[in-house]
Amino acid sequence: MFEFKIEEYWVEEIRRLAATIAKKAIITIAGQEYEYPITKTVIRDGFLKHYIEIEDEPVGDIEKAVLVNENNVPLASGTGLIEKGDEGWQFAFKAFVLLQEEREGEVIAG
């Protein structure tokens, strides 16, 4: 039987590559869509996190947030209600990226 393991370097490289796919967020505030760039990306401890800075204007409820790629294809989305006054907000999309090997439904490395 031949055994192998996935090296951590490969997993980290996949996380770094995955972090380059997202380009901006489309945020719905009071029924109107606004585009915001990613201002910071953190890759650490198995996750990647993209930060979006929402300006002080407009005022209203944040109803939806969609992280998109360069072609506006949705990558992650969230809905709900966050009351937004006239102060700015920082918003983050967080994702865990794992790589694992499976053999007939059994995880053997990852």
Protein backbone atom coordinates (compact mmCIF):
# COMPACT_ATOMS: atom_id res chain seq x y z
CA MET A 1 0.00 0.00 0.00
CA PHE A 2 1.29 3.44 -0.95
CA GLU A 3 0.57 6.27 1.48
CA PHE A 4 1.01 9.97 1.06
CA LYS A 5 0.12 13.15 2.90
CA ILE A 6 -0.82 16.61 1.75
CA GLU A 7 1.93 19.03 2.71
CA GLU A 8 1.00 22.24 4.52
CA TYR A 9 2.79 24.31 1.88
CA TRP A 10 0.27 23.16 -0.75
CA VAL A 11 -2.67 24.02 1.50
CA GLU A 12 -1.24 27.49 2.18
CA GLU A 13 -0.66 28.07 -1.54
CA ILE A 14 -4.29 27.18 -2.26
CA ARG A 15 -5.43 29.65 0.42
CA ARG A 16 -3.28 32.39 -1.11
CA LEU A 17 -4.66 31.66 -4.58
CA ALA A 18 -8.24 31.55 -3.28
CA ALA A 19 -7.72 34.95 -1.65
CA THR A 20 -6.91 36.53 -5.03
CA ILE A 21 -10.25 35.61 -6.62
CA ALA A 22 -12.48 38.10 -4.77
CA LYS A 23 -12.24 41.68 -6.06
CA LYS A 24 -14.99 43.73 -4.38
CA ALA A 25 -18.29 43.61 -2.51
CA ILE A 26 -21.73 44.76 -3.53
CA ILE A 27 -23.54 46.02 -0.45
CA THR A 28 -27.28 46.76 -0.44
CA ILE A 29 -28.16 49.66 1.85
CA ALA A 30 -31.81 50.76 2.05
CA GLY A 31 -32.59 48.98 -1.22
CA GLN A 32 -29.73 50.57 -3.18
CA GLU A 33 -26.59 48.68 -4.29
CA TYR A 34 -23.12 50.14 -3.67
CA GLU A 35 -19.74 48.72 -4.68
CA TYR A 36 -16.84 48.70 -2.23
CA PRO A 37 -13.30 47.47 -2.86
CA ILE A 38 -11.54 44.99 -0.65
CA THR A 39 -9.34 47.12 1.59
CA LYS A 40 -7.45 44.34 3.35
CA THR A 41 -7.10 40.56 3.18
CA VAL A 42 -5.83 38.41 6.04
CA ILE A 43 -4.76 34.78 5.56
CA ARG A 44 -4.12 32.97 8.85
CA ASP A 45 -4.90 29.84 10.86
CA GLY A 46 -6.74 28.04 8.06
CA PHE A 47 -8.95 30.94 7.00
CA LEU A 48 -8.93 33.96 4.77
CA LYS A 49 -10.78 37.15 5.55
CA HIS A 50 -11.58 40.03 3.19
CA TYR A 51 -12.34 43.42 4.75
CA ILE A 52 -14.61 46.04 3.19
CA GLU A 53 -14.79 49.63 4.43
CA ILE A 54 -18.33 51.03 4.14
CA GLU A 55 -18.39 54.81 4.05
CA ASP A 56 -20.30 57.07 6.44
CA GLU A 57 -22.90 57.75 3.75
CA PRO A 58 -25.43 56.45 2.88
CA VAL A 59 -27.49 56.01 6.04
CA GLY A 60 -29.95 53.11 6.21
CA ASP A 61 -30.17 49.40 6.88
CA ILE A 62 -27.52 47.12 5.40
CA GLU A 63 -29.68 44.38 3.89
CA LYS A 64 -27.31 42.30 1.80
CA ALA A 65 -23.58 41.84 1.17
CA VAL A 66 -22.16 39.93 -1.79
CA LEU A 67 -18.48 39.24 -2.36
CA VAL A 68 -17.80 39.02 -6.11
CA ASN A 69 -14.96 38.31 -8.53
CA GLU A 70 -13.81 40.59 -11.36
CA ASN A 71 -16.81 39.51 -13.50
CA ASN A 72 -19.32 40.18 -10.69
CA VAL A 73 -19.87 36.44 -10.14
CA PRO A 74 -21.01 35.95 -6.51
CA LEU A 75 -18.55 34.10 -4.29
CA ALA A 76 -20.18 34.59 -0.88
CA SER A 77 -23.30 36.40 0.24
CA GLY A 78 -25.15 37.31 3.37
CA THR A 79 -28.55 38.77 4.12
CA GLY A 80 -30.13 40.27 7.20
CA LEU A 81 -30.56 43.69 8.72
CA ILE A 82 -27.81 45.81 10.22
CA GLU A 83 -28.81 49.32 11.21
CA LYS A 84 -26.30 51.79 9.79
CA GLY A 85 -26.17 55.37 10.99
CA ASP A 86 -23.92 58.12 9.63
CA GLU A 87 -20.68 56.45 10.76
CA GLY A 88 -18.56 54.18 8.61
CA TRP A 89 -18.48 50.40 9.01
CA GLN A 90 -15.95 47.68 8.52
CA PHE A 91 -17.39 44.48 7.08
CA ALA A 92 -15.57 41.15 6.70
CA PHE A 93 -16.12 37.98 4.69
CA LYS A 94 -14.41 34.99 6.32
CA ALA A 95 -13.83 31.58 4.73
CA PHE A 96 -11.96 28.45 5.80
CA VAL A 97 -10.07 26.68 3.03
CA LEU A 98 -9.21 22.99 3.53
CA LEU A 99 -7.62 20.38 1.29
CA GLN A 100 -8.16 16.72 2.03
CA GLU A 101 -7.62 13.35 0.42
CA GLU A 102 -10.44 10.83 0.58
CA ARG A 103 -10.47 7.15 -0.18
CA GLU A 104 -13.94 5.62 -0.63
CA GLY A 105 -15.55 8.23 1.61
CA GLU A 106 -12.87 8.04 4.33
CA VAL A 107 -10.67 11.07 4.96
CA ILE A 108 -7.04 9.94 5.00
CA ALA A 109 -5.10 13.20 4.84
CA GLY A 110 -5.75 16.92 5.06
